[in-house]
Amino acid sequence: MRPLHQALADPLGVSEYVDPRSYLHVPVDFADDDAESRVDLPSHLAFTGTRSPR
């Protein structure tokens, strides 16, 4: 298992040495049941549709 920022580096097209805090946002209260994290995707990635969260 690799750290999330290293696993996302290739698909996002960023170096694994880029500070992950620039695109990964994990709230301080992440341990809470209703806490959510966020990944900001680079604008050069094009998606054809959207998926609803599970």
N, C-alpha and C. Protein backbone atom coordinates (compact mmCIF):
# COMPACT_ATOMS: atom_id res chain seq x y z
N MET A 1 0.84 -1.16 0.00
CA MET A 1 0.00 0.00 0.00
C MET A 1 0.89 1.23 0.00
N ARG A 2 0.53 2.19 -0.84
CA ARG A 2 1.30 3.44 -0.95
C ARG A 2 0.50 4.59 -0.37
N PRO A 3 1.18 5.64 0.07
CA PRO A 3 0.46 6.83 0.52
C PRO A 3 -0.41 7.39 -0.62
N LEU A 4 -1.54 7.96 -0.26
CA LEU A 4 -2.50 8.44 -1.25
C LEU A 4 -1.87 9.42 -2.24
N HIS A 5 -1.06 10.36 -1.77
CA HIS A 5 -0.50 11.34 -2.68
C HIS A 5 0.45 10.69 -3.69
N GLN A 6 1.10 9.61 -3.33
CA GLN A 6 1.97 8.93 -4.29
C GLN A 6 1.14 8.12 -5.29
N ALA A 7 0.06 7.53 -4.84
CA ALA A 7 -0.82 6.76 -5.73
C ALA A 7 -1.54 7.67 -6.73
N LEU A 8 -1.84 8.89 -6.34
CA LEU A 8 -2.56 9.81 -7.22
C LEU A 8 -1.64 10.59 -8.15
N ALA A 9 -0.35 10.62 -7.88
CA ALA A 9 0.58 11.45 -8.65
C ALA A 9 0.51 11.15 -10.15
N ASP A 10 0.62 9.90 -10.54
CA ASP A 10 0.59 9.54 -11.97
C ASP A 10 -0.74 9.89 -12.62
N PRO A 11 -1.87 9.42 -12.08
CA PRO A 11 -3.16 9.74 -12.72
C PRO A 11 -3.44 11.25 -12.79
N LEU A 12 -2.97 12.00 -11.79
CA LEU A 12 -3.21 13.45 -11.79
C LEU A 12 -2.20 14.20 -12.64
N GLY A 13 -1.12 13.52 -13.01
CA GLY A 13 -0.10 14.18 -13.82
C GLY A 13 0.74 15.16 -13.04
N VAL A 14 0.92 14.90 -11.76
CA VAL A 14 1.77 15.76 -10.93
C VAL A 14 2.91 14.92 -10.38
N SER A 15 3.98 15.58 -10.02
CA SER A 15 5.10 14.89 -9.41
C SER A 15 4.70 14.44 -8.01
N GLU A 16 5.19 13.27 -7.60
CA GLU A 16 4.88 12.82 -6.24
C GLU A 16 5.57 13.70 -5.20
N TYR A 17 6.44 14.60 -5.66
CA TYR A 17 7.14 15.51 -4.75
C TYR A 17 6.41 16.84 -4.58
N VAL A 18 5.33 17.05 -5.35
CA VAL A 18 4.50 18.25 -5.16
C VAL A 18 3.84 18.13 -3.80
N ASP A 19 3.79 19.23 -3.07
CA ASP A 19 3.18 19.23 -1.74
C ASP A 19 1.72 18.80 -1.87
N PRO A 20 1.36 17.63 -1.30
CA PRO A 20 -0.02 17.15 -1.46
C PRO A 20 -1.06 18.07 -0.83
N ARG A 21 -0.64 18.94 0.06
CA ARG A 21 -1.61 19.88 0.65
C ARG A 21 -2.14 20.87 -0.37
N SER A 22 -1.51 20.93 -1.55
CA SER A 22 -2.01 21.82 -2.59
C SER A 22 -3.23 21.24 -3.31
N TYR A 23 -3.46 19.93 -3.19
CA TYR A 23 -4.63 19.33 -3.86
C TYR A 23 -5.41 18.34 -3.00
N LEU A 24 -4.87 17.90 -1.88
CA LEU A 24 -5.60 17.02 -0.96
C LEU A 24 -6.03 17.84 0.26
N HIS A 25 -7.29 17.75 0.59
CA HIS A 25 -7.80 18.49 1.73
C HIS A 25 -8.49 17.52 2.68
N VAL A 26 -7.86 17.28 3.81
CA VAL A 26 -8.40 16.38 4.81
C VAL A 26 -8.70 17.22 6.05
N PRO A 27 -9.95 17.30 6.46
CA PRO A 27 -10.31 18.15 7.60
C PRO A 27 -9.72 17.63 8.91
N VAL A 28 -9.55 18.54 9.83
CA VAL A 28 -9.01 18.21 11.14
C VAL A 28 -9.90 17.17 11.83
N ASP A 29 -11.20 17.26 11.61
CA ASP A 29 -12.15 16.35 12.26
C ASP A 29 -12.42 15.11 11.41
N PHE A 30 -11.45 14.67 10.61
CA PHE A 30 -11.67 13.55 9.69
C PHE A 30 -12.13 12.29 10.39
N ALA A 31 -11.79 12.11 11.65
CA ALA A 31 -12.20 10.92 12.38
C ALA A 31 -13.71 10.92 12.68
N ASP A 32 -14.35 12.08 12.60
CA ASP A 32 -15.79 12.15 12.83
C ASP A 32 -16.54 11.38 11.73
N ASP A 33 -17.69 10.85 12.07
CA ASP A 33 -18.47 10.05 11.12
C ASP A 33 -18.89 10.82 9.87
N ASP A 34 -19.15 12.12 10.00
CA ASP A 34 -19.65 12.89 8.85
C ASP A 34 -18.57 13.73 8.16
N ALA A 35 -17.31 13.54 8.52
CA ALA A 35 -16.23 14.31 7.91
C ALA A 35 -15.98 13.84 6.48
N GLU A 36 -15.57 14.77 5.62
CA GLU A 36 -15.29 14.44 4.23
C GLU A 36 -13.93 14.99 3.84
N SER A 37 -13.24 14.27 2.97
CA SER A 37 -11.99 14.78 2.42
C SER A 37 -12.27 15.24 1.00
N ARG A 38 -11.33 15.97 0.42
CA ARG A 38 -11.53 16.51 -0.93
C ARG A 38 -10.22 16.40 -1.70
N VAL A 39 -10.32 16.05 -2.97
CA VAL A 39 -9.18 16.04 -3.88
C VAL A 39 -9.50 17.04 -4.98
N ASP A 40 -8.66 18.07 -5.13
CA ASP A 40 -8.84 19.05 -6.20
C ASP A 40 -8.10 18.54 -7.42
N LEU A 41 -8.83 18.30 -8.50
CA LEU A 41 -8.24 17.77 -9.72
C LEU A 41 -7.71 18.90 -10.59
N PRO A 42 -6.57 18.68 -11.25
CA PRO A 42 -6.05 19.69 -12.17
C PRO A 42 -7.04 19.96 -13.29
N SER A 43 -7.07 21.19 -13.77
CA SER A 43 -8.05 21.57 -14.80
C SER A 43 -7.80 20.89 -16.14
N HIS A 44 -6.59 20.36 -16.38
CA HIS A 44 -6.33 19.72 -17.67
C HIS A 44 -6.94 18.32 -17.77
N LEU A 45 -7.47 17.78 -16.69
CA LEU A 45 -8.13 16.49 -16.76
C LEU A 45 -9.56 16.68 -17.26
N ALA A 46 -9.93 15.93 -18.26
CA ALA A 46 -11.28 16.05 -18.83
C ALA A 46 -12.06 14.77 -18.53
N PHE A 47 -13.24 14.93 -17.97
CA PHE A 47 -14.10 13.79 -17.66
C PHE A 47 -15.35 13.91 -18.48
N THR A 48 -15.87 12.78 -18.94
CA THR A 48 -17.04 12.80 -19.80
C THR A 48 -18.34 12.74 -19.01
N GLY A 49 -18.27 12.43 -17.76
CA GLY A 49 -19.49 12.34 -16.96
C GLY A 49 -19.15 12.50 -15.50
N THR A 50 -20.17 12.42 -14.69
CA THR A 50 -19.95 12.52 -13.25
C THR A 50 -20.51 11.29 -12.58
N ARG A 51 -19.95 10.95 -11.48
CA ARG A 51 -20.44 9.83 -10.68
C ARG A 51 -20.94 10.36 -9.36
N SER A 52 -22.00 9.80 -8.90
CA SER A 52 -22.52 10.17 -7.60
C SER A 52 -21.70 9.45 -6.53
N PRO A 53 -21.51 10.11 -5.38
CA PRO A 53 -20.82 9.41 -4.30
C PRO A 53 -21.64 8.21 -3.84
N ARG A 54 -20.97 7.20 -3.38
CA ARG A 54 -21.68 6.00 -2.92
C ARG A 54 -22.33 6.20 -1.60
